[in-house]
PDB file of N, CA and C in Angstrom:
ATOM      1  N   MET A   1      12.133   4.761 -13.613  1.00  0.00           N
ATOM      2  CA  MET A   1      10.612   4.727 -14.023  1.00  0.00           C
ATOM      3  C   MET A   1      10.351   6.111 -14.000  1.00  0.00           C
ATOM      4  N   ASN A   2       9.536   6.575 -14.875  1.00  0.00           N
ATOM      5  CA  ASN A   2       9.365   8.028 -15.237  1.00  0.00           C
ATOM      6  C   ASN A   2       8.492   8.490 -14.673  1.00  0.00           C
ATOM      7  N   SER A   3       8.283   9.637 -13.812  1.00  0.00           N
ATOM      8  CA  SER A   3       7.707  10.556 -13.029  1.00  0.00           C
ATOM      9  C   SER A   3       5.963  10.257 -13.111  1.00  0.00           C
ATOM     10  N   GLU A   4       5.420   9.965 -14.314  1.00  0.00           N
ATOM     11  CA  GLU A   4       4.000   9.401 -14.674  1.00  0.00           C
ATOM     12  C   GLU A   4       3.789   8.469 -13.874  1.00  0.00           C
ATOM     13  N   ARG A   5       4.676   7.031 -14.507  1.00  0.00           N
ATOM     14  CA  ARG A   5       4.570   6.027 -13.787  1.00  0.00           C
ATOM     15  C   ARG A   5       4.492   5.628 -12.421  1.00  0.00           C
ATOM     16  N   LEU A   6       5.542   6.516 -11.621  1.00  0.00           N
ATOM     17  CA  LEU A   6       5.682   6.291 -10.546  1.00  0.00           C
ATOM     18  C   LEU A   6       4.488   7.254  -9.713  1.00  0.00           C
ATOM     19  N   LYS A   7       3.792   7.975 -10.128  1.00  0.00           N
ATOM     20  CA  LYS A   7       2.582   8.846  -9.731  1.00  0.00           C
ATOM     21  C   LYS A   7       1.590   7.769  -9.572  1.00  0.00           C
ATOM     22  N   ASP A   8       1.060   7.082 -10.902  1.00  0.00           N
ATOM     23  CA  ASP A   8       0.283   5.920 -11.038  1.00  0.00           C
ATOM     24  C   ASP A   8       0.521   4.646 -10.131  1.00  0.00           C
ATOM     25  N   PHE A   9       1.700   4.451  -9.869  1.00  0.00           N
ATOM     26  CA  PHE A   9       1.899   3.238  -9.302  1.00  0.00           C
ATOM     27  C   PHE A   9       1.710   3.414  -7.667  1.00  0.00           C
ATOM     28  N   ARG A  10       2.305   4.677  -7.128  1.00  0.00           N
ATOM     29  CA  ARG A  10       1.940   4.923  -5.870  1.00  0.00           C
ATOM     30  C   ARG A  10       0.493   5.494  -5.598  1.00  0.00           C
ATOM     31  N   GLN A  11      -0.316   5.992  -6.543  1.00  0.00           N
ATOM     32  CA  GLN A  11      -1.792   5.892  -6.456  1.00  0.00           C
ATOM     33  C   GLN A  11      -2.274   4.564  -6.122  1.00  0.00           C
ATOM     34  N   ALA A  12      -1.920   3.429  -7.112  1.00  0.00           N
ATOM     35  CA  ALA A  12      -2.223   2.501  -7.046  1.00  0.00           C
ATOM     36  C   ALA A  12      -2.151   1.591  -6.001  1.00  0.00           C
ATOM     37  N   ALA A  13      -0.935   1.713  -5.457  1.00  0.00           N
ATOM     38  CA  ALA A  13      -0.523   1.494  -3.711  1.00  0.00           C
ATOM     39  C   ALA A  13      -1.419   1.940  -2.905  1.00  0.00           C
ATOM     40  N   TYR A  14      -1.460   3.053  -2.928  1.00  0.00           N
ATOM     41  CA  TYR A  14      -2.203   3.863  -1.761  1.00  0.00           C
ATOM     42  C   TYR A  14      -3.586   3.365  -1.766  1.00  0.00           C
ATOM     43  N   GLU A  15      -4.201   2.765  -2.798  1.00  0.00           N
ATOM     44  CA  GLU A  15      -5.520   2.454  -3.064  1.00  0.00           C
ATOM     45  C   GLU A  15      -5.638   1.181  -2.556  1.00  0.00           C
ATOM     46  N   LEU A  16      -4.724   0.404  -2.101  1.00  0.00           N
ATOM     47  CA  LEU A  16      -4.773  -1.027  -1.686  1.00  0.00           C
ATOM     48  C   LEU A  16      -4.819  -1.084  -0.072  1.00  0.00           C
ATOM     49  N   LEU A  17      -4.303   0.142   0.380  1.00  0.00           N
ATOM     50  CA  LEU A  17      -4.322   0.319   1.765  1.00  0.00           C
ATOM     51  C   LEU A  17      -5.658   0.498   2.219  1.00  0.00           C
ATOM     52  N   VAL A  18      -5.898  -0.046   3.474  1.00  0.00           N
ATOM     53  CA  VAL A  18      -7.513  -0.084   3.890  1.00  0.00           C
ATOM     54  C   VAL A  18      -7.274   1.460   5.021  1.00  0.00           C
ATOM     55  N   ARG A  19      -6.483   1.285   5.876  1.00  0.00           N
ATOM     56  CA  ARG A  19      -6.458   2.527   6.988  1.00  0.00           C
ATOM     57  C   ARG A  19      -4.738   2.957   7.025  1.00  0.00           C
ATOM     58  N   ALA A  20      -4.962   4.109   7.464  1.00  0.00           N
ATOM     59  CA  ALA A  20      -3.574   4.942   7.998  1.00  0.00           C
ATOM     60  C   ALA A  20      -2.786   5.497   6.389  1.00  0.00           C
ATOM     61  N   LYS A  21      -3.794   5.454   5.549  1.00  0.00           N
ATOM     62  CA  LYS A  21      -3.108   5.280   4.073  1.00  0.00           C
ATOM     63  C   LYS A  21      -1.834   6.839   4.258  1.00  0.00           C
ATOM     64  N   ASP A  22      -2.571   7.798   4.712  1.00  0.00           N
ATOM     65  CA  ASP A  22      -1.166   8.831   4.730  1.00  0.00           C
ATOM     66  C   ASP A  22      -0.178   8.773   5.789  1.00  0.00           C
ATOM     67  N   ALA A  23      -0.599   8.188   6.574  1.00  0.00           N
ATOM     68  CA  ALA A  23       0.698   7.921   7.676  1.00  0.00           C
ATOM     69  C   ALA A  23       1.762   6.955   7.020  1.00  0.00           C
ATOM     70  N   ILE A  24       1.231   5.907   6.485  1.00  0.00           N
ATOM     71  CA  ILE A  24       2.078   4.841   5.993  1.00  0.00           C
ATOM     72  C   ILE A  24       2.768   5.391   4.783  1.00  0.00           C
ATOM     73  N   PHE A  25       2.225   6.256   4.258  1.00  0.00           N
ATOM     74  CA  PHE A  25       3.022   6.917   2.774  1.00  0.00           C
ATOM     75  C   PHE A  25       3.883   8.008   3.158  1.00  0.00           C
ATOM     76  N   GLU A  26       3.855   8.595   4.305  1.00  0.00           N
ATOM     77  CA  GLU A  26       4.882   9.384   4.673  1.00  0.00           C
ATOM     78  C   GLU A  26       6.049   8.676   5.417  1.00  0.00           C
ATOM     79  N   LEU A  27       5.747   7.528   6.026  1.00  0.00           N
ATOM     80  CA  LEU A  27       6.335   6.442   6.799  1.00  0.00           C
ATOM     81  C   LEU A  27       7.427   5.977   5.620  1.00  0.00           C
ATOM     82  N   MET A  28       6.702   5.379   4.527  1.00  0.00           N
ATOM     83  CA  MET A  28       7.605   5.020   3.714  1.00  0.00           C
ATOM     84  C   MET A  28       8.524   6.004   3.187  1.00  0.00           C
ATOM     85  N   ASP A  29       7.818   7.122   2.677  1.00  0.00           N
ATOM     86  CA  ASP A  29       9.052   8.215   2.162  1.00  0.00           C
ATOM     87  C   ASP A  29      10.050   8.296   3.233  1.00  0.00           C
ATOM     88  N   ALA A  30       9.929   8.333   4.555  1.00  0.00           N
ATOM     89  CA  ALA A  30      10.686   8.535   5.222  1.00  0.00           C
ATOM     90  C   ALA A  30      11.555   7.551   5.427  1.00  0.00           C
ATOM     91  N   VAL A  31      11.509   6.124   5.271  1.00  0.00           N
ATOM     92  CA  VAL A  31      12.296   4.878   5.399  1.00  0.00           C
ATOM     93  C   VAL A  31      13.225   5.042   4.009  1.00  0.00           C
ATOM     94  N   TRP A  32      12.779   5.324   2.855  1.00  0.00           N
ATOM     95  CA  TRP A  32      13.403   5.358   1.630  1.00  0.00           C
ATOM     96  C   TRP A  32      14.270   6.577   1.724  1.00  0.00           C
ATOM     97  N   THR A  33      14.289   7.454   2.495  1.00  0.00           N
ATOM     98  CA  THR A  33      15.257   8.464   2.219  1.00  0.00           C
ATOM     99  C   THR A  33      15.938   8.840   3.632  1.00  0.00           C
ATOM    100  N   THR A  34      15.945   7.692   4.883  1.00  0.00           N
ATOM    101  CA  THR A  34      16.950   7.825   5.771  1.00  0.00           C
ATOM    102  C   THR A  34      18.240   7.047   5.512  1.00  0.00           C
ATOM    103  N   ARG A  35      19.065   7.592   5.721  1.00  0.00           N
ATOM    104  CA  ARG A  35      20.457   6.619   5.736  1.00  0.00           C
ATOM    105  C   ARG A  35      20.266   5.944   6.761  1.00  0.00           C
ATOM    106  N   ASN A  36      20.423   5.928   8.216  1.00  0.00           N
ATOM    107  CA  ASN A  36      20.655   5.142   9.157  1.00  0.00           C
ATOM    108  C   ASN A  36      19.604   5.281   9.985  1.00  0.00           C
ATOM    109  N   ALA A  37      19.067   4.323  10.690  1.00  0.00           N
ATOM    110  CA  ALA A  37      18.079   4.550  11.818  1.00  0.00           C
ATOM    111  C   ALA A  37      18.273   3.115  12.613  1.00  0.00           C
ATOM    112  N   SER A  38      18.408   3.314  13.823  1.00  0.00           N
ATOM    113  CA  SER A  38      18.680   2.214  14.691  1.00  0.00           C
ATOM    114  C   SER A  38      17.601   1.932  15.431  1.00  0.00           C
ATOM    115  N   CYS A  39      16.099   2.689  15.330  1.00  0.00           N
ATOM    116  CA  CYS A  39      14.893   2.062  15.517  1.00  0.00           C
ATOM    117  C   CYS A  39      13.927   2.839  14.863  1.00  0.00           C
ATOM    118  N   LEU A  40      12.625   2.271  14.784  1.00  0.00           N
ATOM    119  CA  LEU A  40      11.378   2.472  14.033  1.00  0.00           C
ATOM    120  C   LEU A  40      11.147   4.355  14.525  1.00  0.00           C
ATOM    121  N   ALA A  41      11.279   4.826  15.651  1.00  0.00           N
ATOM    122  CA  ALA A  41      10.945   5.990  15.884  1.00  0.00           C
ATOM    123  C   ALA A  41      11.855   6.891  15.276  1.00  0.00           C
ATOM    124  N   GLU A  42      13.228   6.536  15.014  1.00  0.00           N
ATOM    125  CA  GLU A  42      13.971   7.486  14.215  1.00  0.00           C
ATOM    126  C   GLU A  42      13.605   8.067  12.954  1.00  0.00           C
ATOM    127  N   PHE A  43      13.065   7.083  12.409  1.00  0.00           N
ATOM    128  CA  PHE A  43      12.112   7.607  11.080  1.00  0.00           C
ATOM    129  C   PHE A  43      11.190   8.966  11.112  1.00  0.00           C
ATOM    130  N   SER A  44      10.622   8.897  12.505  1.00  0.00           N
ATOM    131  CA  SER A  44       9.601  10.071  12.577  1.00  0.00           C
ATOM    132  C   SER A  44      10.608  11.351  12.658  1.00  0.00           C
ATOM    133  N   LEU A  45      12.032  11.424  12.930  1.00  0.00           N
ATOM    134  CA  LEU A  45      12.834  12.787  12.610  1.00  0.00           C
ATOM    135  C   LEU A  45      13.073  12.924  11.221  1.00  0.00           C
ATOM    136  N   ASN A  46      12.589  12.297  10.230  1.00  0.00           N
ATOM    137  CA  ASN A  46      12.587  12.855   8.757  1.00  0.00           C
ATOM    138  C   ASN A  46      11.705  13.637   8.751  1.00  0.00           C
ATOM    139  N   PRO A  47      12.151  14.874   7.814  1.00  0.00           N
ATOM    140  CA  PRO A  47      11.163  15.922   7.518  1.00  0.00           C
ATOM    141  C   PRO A  47      10.024  15.309   6.754  1.00  0.00           C
ATOM    142  N   LEU A  48      10.052  14.285   5.968  1.00  0.00           N
ATOM    143  CA  LEU A  48       8.679  13.810   5.055  1.00  0.00           C
ATOM    144  C   LEU A  48       7.887  12.996   6.118  1.00  0.00           C
ATOM    145  N   PHE A  49       8.060  12.849   7.297  1.00  0.00           N
ATOM    146  CA  PHE A  49       7.106  12.069   7.979  1.00  0.00           C
ATOM    147  C   PHE A  49       6.996  13.670   9.121  1.00  0.00           C
ATOM    148  N   LYS A  50       5.728  13.862   8.846  1.00  0.00           N
ATOM    149  CA  LYS A  50       5.008  15.001   9.481  1.00  0.00           C
ATOM    150  C   LYS A  50       4.489  14.920  10.530  1.00  0.00           C
ATOM    151  N   ARG A  51       4.487  13.920  11.269  1.00  0.00           N
ATOM    152  CA  ARG A  51       3.688  13.480  12.481  1.00  0.00           C
ATOM    153  C   ARG A  51       4.780  12.964  13.772  1.00  0.00           C
ATOM    154  N   GLN A  52       4.154  12.842  14.844  1.00  0.00           N
ATOM    155  CA  GLN A  52       4.792  12.684  15.920  1.00  0.00           C
ATOM    156  C   GLN A  52       5.282  11.116  15.920  1.00  0.00           C
ATOM    157  N   TRP A  53       6.514  10.752  16.592  1.00  0.00           N
ATOM    158  CA  TRP A  53       7.212   9.563  16.605  1.00  0.00           C
ATOM    159  C   TRP A  53       6.044   8.275  17.112  1.00  0.00           C
ATOM    160  N   PRO A  54       4.929   8.672  18.179  1.00  0.00           N
ATOM    161  CA  PRO A  54       4.192   7.274  18.242  1.00  0.00           C
ATOM    162  C   PRO A  54       3.252   7.332  16.804  1.00  0.00           C
ATOM    163  N   SER A  55       3.286   8.012  16.216  1.00  0.00           N
ATOM    164  CA  SER A  55       2.474   7.784  14.747  1.00  0.00           C
ATOM    165  C   SER A  55       3.144   6.543  13.956  1.00  0.00           C
ATOM    166  N   VAL A  56       4.283   6.506  14.226  1.00  0.00           N
ATOM    167  CA  VAL A  56       5.149   5.438  13.237  1.00  0.00           C
ATOM    168  C   VAL A  56       4.578   4.122  13.829  1.00  0.00           C
ATOM    169  N   TYR A  57       4.441   3.764  14.892  1.00  0.00           N
ATOM    170  CA  TYR A  57       3.783   2.357  15.603  1.00  0.00           C
ATOM    171  C   TYR A  57       2.321   2.264  15.074  1.00  0.00           C
ATOM    172  N   GLU A  58       1.605   3.629  15.580  1.00  0.00           N
ATOM    173  CA  GLU A  58       0.229   3.676  15.186  1.00  0.00           C
ATOM    174  C   GLU A  58      -0.009   3.177  13.860  1.00  0.00           C
ATOM    175  N   ALA A  59       0.746   3.585  12.937  1.00  0.00           N
ATOM    176  CA  ALA A  59       0.367   3.860  11.214  1.00  0.00           C
ATOM    177  C   ALA A  59       0.858   1.798  10.904  1.00  0.00           C
ATOM    178  N   LEU A  60       1.729   1.544  11.622  1.00  0.00           N
ATOM    179  CA  LEU A  60       2.060   0.021  11.338  1.00  0.00           C
ATOM    180  C   LEU A  60       0.966  -0.763  11.945  1.00  0.00           C
ATOM    181  N   GLN A  61       0.512  -0.426  13.113  1.00  0.00           N
ATOM    182  CA  GLN A  61      -0.495  -1.399  13.738  1.00  0.00           C
ATOM    183  C   GLN A  61      -1.837  -1.014  12.579  1.00  0.00           C
ATOM    184  N   ASP A  62      -2.169   0.160  12.142  1.00  0.00           N
ATOM    185  CA  ASP A  62      -3.432   0.178  11.719  1.00  0.00           C
ATOM    186  C   ASP A  62      -3.300  -0.250   9.992  1.00  0.00           C
ATOM    187  N   CYS A  63      -2.451  -0.171   9.832  1.00  0.00           N
ATOM    188  CA  CYS A  63      -2.589  -0.573   8.483  1.00  0.00           C
ATOM    189  C   CYS A  63      -2.701  -1.793   7.823  1.00  0.00           C
ATOM    190  N   ARG A  64      -3.960  -2.255   7.162  1.00  0.00           N
ATOM    191  CA  ARG A  64      -4.071  -3.577   6.870  1.00  0.00           C
ATOM    192  C   ARG A  64      -4.294  -3.426   5.373  1.00  0.00           C
ATOM    193  N   PRO A  65      -3.126  -3.696   4.576  1.00  0.00           N
ATOM    194  CA  PRO A  65      -3.420  -3.864   3.287  1.00  0.00           C
ATOM    195  C   PRO A  65      -3.764  -5.109   2.797  1.00  0.00           C
ATOM    196  N   ASP A  66      -4.250  -5.161   1.418  1.00  0.00           N
ATOM    197  CA  ASP A  66      -4.605  -6.416   0.754  1.00  0.00           C
ATOM    198  C   ASP A  66      -3.372  -6.867   0.134  1.00  0.00           C
ATOM    199  N   ARG A  67      -2.620  -7.800   1.166  1.00  0.00           N
ATOM    200  CA  ARG A  67      -1.287  -8.214   0.630  1.00  0.00           C
ATOM    201  C   ARG A  67      -1.033  -8.977  -0.875  1.00  0.00           C
ATOM    202  N   LYS A  68      -1.975  -9.745  -1.071  1.00  0.00           N
ATOM    203  CA  LYS A  68      -2.012 -10.684  -2.295  1.00  0.00           C
ATOM    204  C   LYS A  68      -1.991  -9.413  -3.433  1.00  0.00           C
ATOM    205  N   LYS A  69      -2.924  -8.314  -3.520  1.00  0.00           N
ATOM    206  CA  LYS A  69      -3.132  -7.474  -4.525  1.00  0.00           C
ATOM    207  C   LYS A  69      -1.913  -6.448  -4.721  1.00  0.00           C
ATOM    208  N   LEU A  70      -1.363  -6.099  -3.454  1.00  0.00           N
ATOM    209  CA  LEU A  70      -0.096  -5.337  -3.444  1.00  0.00           C
ATOM    210  C   LEU A  70       1.067  -5.974  -4.025  1.00  0.00           C
ATOM    211  N   MET A  71       1.290  -7.366  -3.618  1.00  0.00           N
ATOM    212  CA  MET A  71       2.412  -8.308  -4.085  1.00  0.00           C
ATOM    213  C   MET A  71       1.868  -8.134  -5.684  1.00  0.00           C
ATOM    214  N   GLU A  72       0.688  -8.350  -5.912  1.00  0.00           N
ATOM    215  CA  GLU A  72       0.541  -8.154  -7.850  1.00  0.00           C
ATOM    216  C   GLU A  72       1.003  -7.029  -8.510  1.00  0.00           C
ATOM    217  N   LEU A  73       0.651  -6.000  -7.760  1.00  0.00           N
ATOM    218  CA  LEU A  73       1.071  -4.530  -8.233  1.00  0.00           C
ATOM    219  C   LEU A  73       2.669  -4.507  -7.912  1.00  0.00           C
ATOM    220  N   TYR A  74       3.251  -5.056  -7.114  1.00  0.00           N
ATOM    221  CA  TYR A  74       4.600  -4.957  -7.211  1.00  0.00           C
ATOM    222  C   TYR A  74       5.508  -5.686  -8.107  1.00  0.00           C
ATOM    223  N   GLN A  75       4.810  -7.238  -8.586  1.00  0.00           N
ATOM    224  CA  GLN A  75       5.402  -7.864  -9.385  1.00  0.00           C
ATOM    225  C   GLN A  75       4.979  -7.332 -10.780  1.00  0.00           C
ATOM    226  N   GLU A  76       3.913  -6.698 -11.054  1.00  0.00           N
ATOM    227  CA  GLU A  76       3.477  -5.976 -12.362  1.00  0.00           C
ATOM    228  C   GLU A  76       4.811  -5.044 -12.830  1.00  0.00           C
ATOM    229  N   GLN A  77       4.730  -4.334 -11.891  1.00  0.00           N
ATOM    230  CA  GLN A  77       5.982  -3.091 -12.141  1.00  0.00           C
ATOM    231  C   GLN A  77       7.133  -3.712 -12.141  1.00  0.00           C
ATOM    232  N   LEU A  78       7.922  -4.545 -11.509  1.00  0.00           N
ATOM    233  CA  LEU A  78       8.942  -5.318 -11.862  1.00  0.00           C
ATOM    234  C   LEU A  78       8.865  -5.949 -13.322  1.00  0.00           C
ATOM    235  N   GLU A  79       7.952  -6.545 -13.785  1.00  0.00           N
ATOM    236  CA  GLU A  79       7.934  -7.062 -15.115  1.00  0.00           C
ATOM    237  C   GLU A  79       7.867  -5.959 -16.303  1.00  0.00           C
ATOM    238  N   GLN A  80       7.494  -4.812 -15.774  1.00  0.00           N
ATOM    239  CA  GLN A  80       7.586  -3.729 -16.609  1.00  0.00           C
ATOM    240  C   GLN A  80       8.672  -3.067 -17.032  1.00  0.00           C
ATOM    241  N   GLN A  81       9.624  -3.265 -15.656  1.00  0.00           N
ATOM    242  CA  GLN A  81      10.812  -2.543 -15.593  1.00  0.00           C
ATOM    243  C   GLN A  81      12.313  -3.502 -16.182  1.00  0.00           C
ATOM    244  N   VAL A  82      11.906  -4.824 -15.715  1.00  0.00           N
ATOM    245  CA  VAL A  82      12.910  -5.669 -15.957  1.00  0.00           C
ATOM    246  C   VAL A  82      12.624  -6.482 -17.161  1.00  0.00           C
ATOM    247  N   PRO A  83      13.258  -6.791 -18.362  1.00  0.00           N
ATOM    248  CA  PRO A  83      12.859  -7.833 -19.214  1.00  0.00           C
ATOM    249  C   PRO A  83      12.907  -9.244 -18.663  1.00  0.00           C
ATOM    250  N   ALA A  84      12.102  -9.961 -19.235  1.00  0.00           N
ATOM    251  CA  ALA A  84      11.991 -11.215 -18.831  1.00  0.00           C
ATOM    252  C   ALA A  84      13.333 -12.432 -19.140  1.00  0.00           C
ATOM    253  N   THR A  85      14.011 -11.955 -19.710  1.00  0.00           N
ATOM    254  CA  THR A  85      15.433 -12.426 -20.155  1.00  0.00           C
ATOM    255  C   THR A  85      16.204 -12.456 -19.008  1.00  0.00           C
ATOM    256  N   GLU A  86      16.460 -11.165 -18.288  1.00  0.00           N
ATOM    257  CA  GLU A  86      17.526 -11.110 -17.425  1.00  0.00           C
ATOM    258  C   GLU A  86      16.729 -11.604 -15.995  1.00  0.00           C
ATOM    259  N   HIS A  87      18.099 -12.135 -15.378  1.00  0.00           N
ATOM    260  CA  HIS A  87      17.999 -12.454 -14.003  1.00  0.00           C
ATOM    261  C   HIS A  87      17.948 -11.494 -12.796  1.00  0.00           C
ATOM    262  N   ILE A  88      17.612 -11.483 -11.942  1.00  0.00           N
ATOM    263  CA  ILE A  88      17.983 -10.210 -10.925  1.00  0.00           C
ATOM    264  C   ILE A  88      18.551 -11.137  -9.684  1.00  0.00           C
ATOM    265  N   LEU A  89      19.788 -10.044  -8.954  1.00  0.00           N
ATOM    266  CA  LEU A  89      20.367 -10.684  -7.997  1.00  0.00           C
ATOM    267  C   LEU A  89      19.978  -9.368  -7.047  1.00  0.00           C
ATOM    268  N   VAL A  90      19.520  -9.940  -5.638  1.00  0.00           N
ATOM    269  CA  VAL A  90      19.380  -8.991  -4.944  1.00  0.00           C
ATOM    270  C   VAL A  90      20.203  -9.653  -3.889  1.00  0.00           C
ATOM    271  N   ALA A  91      21.053  -8.590  -3.242  1.00  0.00           N
ATOM    272  CA  ALA A  91      21.945  -8.935  -2.180  1.00  0.00           C
ATOM    273  C   ALA A  91      21.560  -8.228  -0.861  1.00  0.00           C
ATOM    274  N   ILE A  92      21.670  -8.740   0.213  1.00  0.00           N
ATOM    275  CA  ILE A  92      21.242  -8.102   1.392  1.00  0.00           C
ATOM    276  C   ILE A  92      22.077  -9.064   2.444  1.00  0.00           C
ATOM    277  N   TYR A  93      23.084  -7.977   2.978  1.00  0.00           N
ATOM    278  CA  TYR A  93      24.049  -8.287   4.126  1.00  0.00           C
ATOM    279  C   TYR A  93      23.455  -8.347   5.629  1.00  0.00           C
ATOM    280  N   HIS A  94      23.150  -9.483   6.248  1.00  0.00           N
ATOM    281  CA  HIS A  94      22.803  -9.085   7.367  1.00  0.00           C
ATOM    282  C   HIS A  94      23.202 -10.404   8.193  1.00  0.00           C
ATOM    283  N   THR A  95      23.621 -10.064   9.380  1.00  0.00           N
ATOM    284  CA  THR A  95      24.328 -11.011  10.422  1.00  0.00           C
ATOM    285  C   THR A  95      24.504 -10.426  11.825  1.00  0.00           C
ATOM    286  N   ALA A  96      24.221 -11.593  12.842  1.00  0.00           N
ATOM    287  CA  ALA A  96      24.489 -11.126  14.173  1.00  0.00           C
ATOM    288  C   ALA A  96      25.620 -10.671  14.626  1.00  0.00           C
ATOM    289  N   TRP A  97      26.665 -11.304  13.867  1.00  0.00           N
ATOM    290  CA  TRP A  97      28.256 -11.077  14.221  1.00  0.00           C
ATOM    291  C   TRP A  97      29.150 -10.116  13.200  1.00  0.00           C
ATOM    292  N   GLY A  98      29.443  -9.084  13.876  1.00  0.00           N
ATOM    293  CA  GLY A  98      30.129  -8.012  13.207  1.00  0.00           C
ATOM    294  C   GLY A  98      31.443  -8.596  12.223  1.00  0.00           C
ATOM    295  N   ARG A  99      31.512  -8.138  11.368  1.00  0.00           N
ATOM    296  CA  ARG A  99      32.806  -8.357  10.786  1.00  0.00           C
ATOM    297  C   ARG A  99      33.947  -6.910  10.871  1.00  0.00           C
ATOM    298  N   GLN A 100      34.393  -7.176  11.974  1.00  0.00           N
ATOM    299  CA  GLN A 100      35.232  -6.083  12.289  1.00  0.00           C
ATOM    300  C   GLN A 100      36.407  -5.647  11.467  1.00  0.00           C
ATOM    301  N   PHE A 101      37.213  -6.763  10.666  1.00  0.00           N
ATOM    302  CA  PHE A 101      37.915  -6.392   9.819  1.00  0.00           C
ATOM    303  C   PHE A 101      37.614  -6.214   8.191  1.00  0.00           C
ATOM    304  N   ALA A 102      36.357  -5.941   8.164  1.00  0.00           N
ATOM    305  CA  ALA A 102      35.888  -5.998   6.855  1.00  0.00           C
ATOM    306  C   ALA A 102      36.008  -4.412   6.571  1.00  0.00           C
ATOM    307  N   LYS A 103      36.588  -3.759   6.046  1.00  0.00           N
ATOM    308  CA  LYS A 103      36.689  -2.089   5.889  1.00  0.00           C
ATOM    309  C   LYS A 103      35.811  -1.720   4.875  1.00  0.00           C
ATOM    310  N   THR A 104      35.571  -2.324   3.651  1.00  0.00           N
ATOM    311  CA  THR A 104      34.464  -2.303   2.731  1.00  0.00           C
ATOM    312  C   THR A 104      33.572  -3.328   2.759  1.00  0.00           C
ATOM    313  N   LEU A 105      32.295  -2.841   1.718  1.00  0.00           N
ATOM    314  CA  LEU A 105      31.605  -4.168   1.441  1.00  0.00           C
ATOM    315  C   LEU A 105      32.136  -5.000   0.661  1.00  0.00           C
ATOM    316  N   LYS A 106      33.267  -4.891  -0.271  1.00  0.00           N
ATOM    317  CA  LYS A 106      33.588  -5.752  -1.343  1.00  0.00           C
ATOM    318  C   LYS A 106      34.497  -6.961  -0.241  1.00  0.00           C
ATOM    319  N   ASP A 107      35.078  -6.585   0.835  1.00  0.00           N
ATOM    320  CA  ASP A 107      35.767  -7.170   1.766  1.00  0.00           C
ATOM    321  C   ASP A 107      34.916  -8.241   2.395  1.00  0.00           C
ATOM    322  N   ARG A 108      33.737  -8.119   2.374  1.00  0.00           N
ATOM    323  CA  ARG A 108      32.667  -9.218   2.859  1.00  0.00           C
ATOM    324  C   ARG A 108      32.546 -10.066   1.555  1.00  0.00           C
ATOM    325  N   THR A 109      32.308 -11.399   2.240  1.00  0.00           N
ATOM    326  CA  THR A 109      31.965 -12.624   1.123  1.00  0.00           C
ATOM    327  C   THR A 109      30.616 -13.296   1.043  1.00  0.00           C
ATOM    328  N   HIS A 110      30.556 -13.842   0.092  1.00  0.00           N
ATOM    329  CA  HIS A 110      29.085 -14.761  -0.054  1.00  0.00           C
ATOM    330  C   HIS A 110      29.300 -16.123   0.138  1.00  0.00           C
ATOM    331  N   GLU A 111      28.542 -16.873   1.021  1.00  0.00           N
ATOM    332  CA  GLU A 111      29.057 -18.316   1.438  1.00  0.00           C
ATOM    333  C   GLU A 111      27.795 -18.947   1.319  1.00  0.00           C
ATOM    334  N   TYR A 112      27.847 -20.131   0.525  1.00  0.00           N
ATOM    335  CA  TYR A 112      26.760 -20.908   0.375  1.00  0.00           C
ATOM    336  C   TYR A 112      26.549 -21.652   1.580  1.00  0.00           C
TER     337      TYR A 112
END
């Protein structure tokens, strides 16, 4: 995504938020640029989040986006980025049980 399209996308998403727009955008940037966080409050340590740690919770509590319009905006961006003939595979690893013998991600398997 080029910088002008990214700017337009961020502005469109910003306009769909009802309250706490600036705090949510700072939090979003902090989430995207923080490598590891064990709790929400750790995002407040990111330099992109210019508020104090209680603002993380307040922003999430106060923000009331129009979810349907926001999802439509995301879908529109996705359709512009990925040709309709391609399939998208999104892999997320999440489990309550640790894989203590898996040294790297490739050692972990996908099970149906």
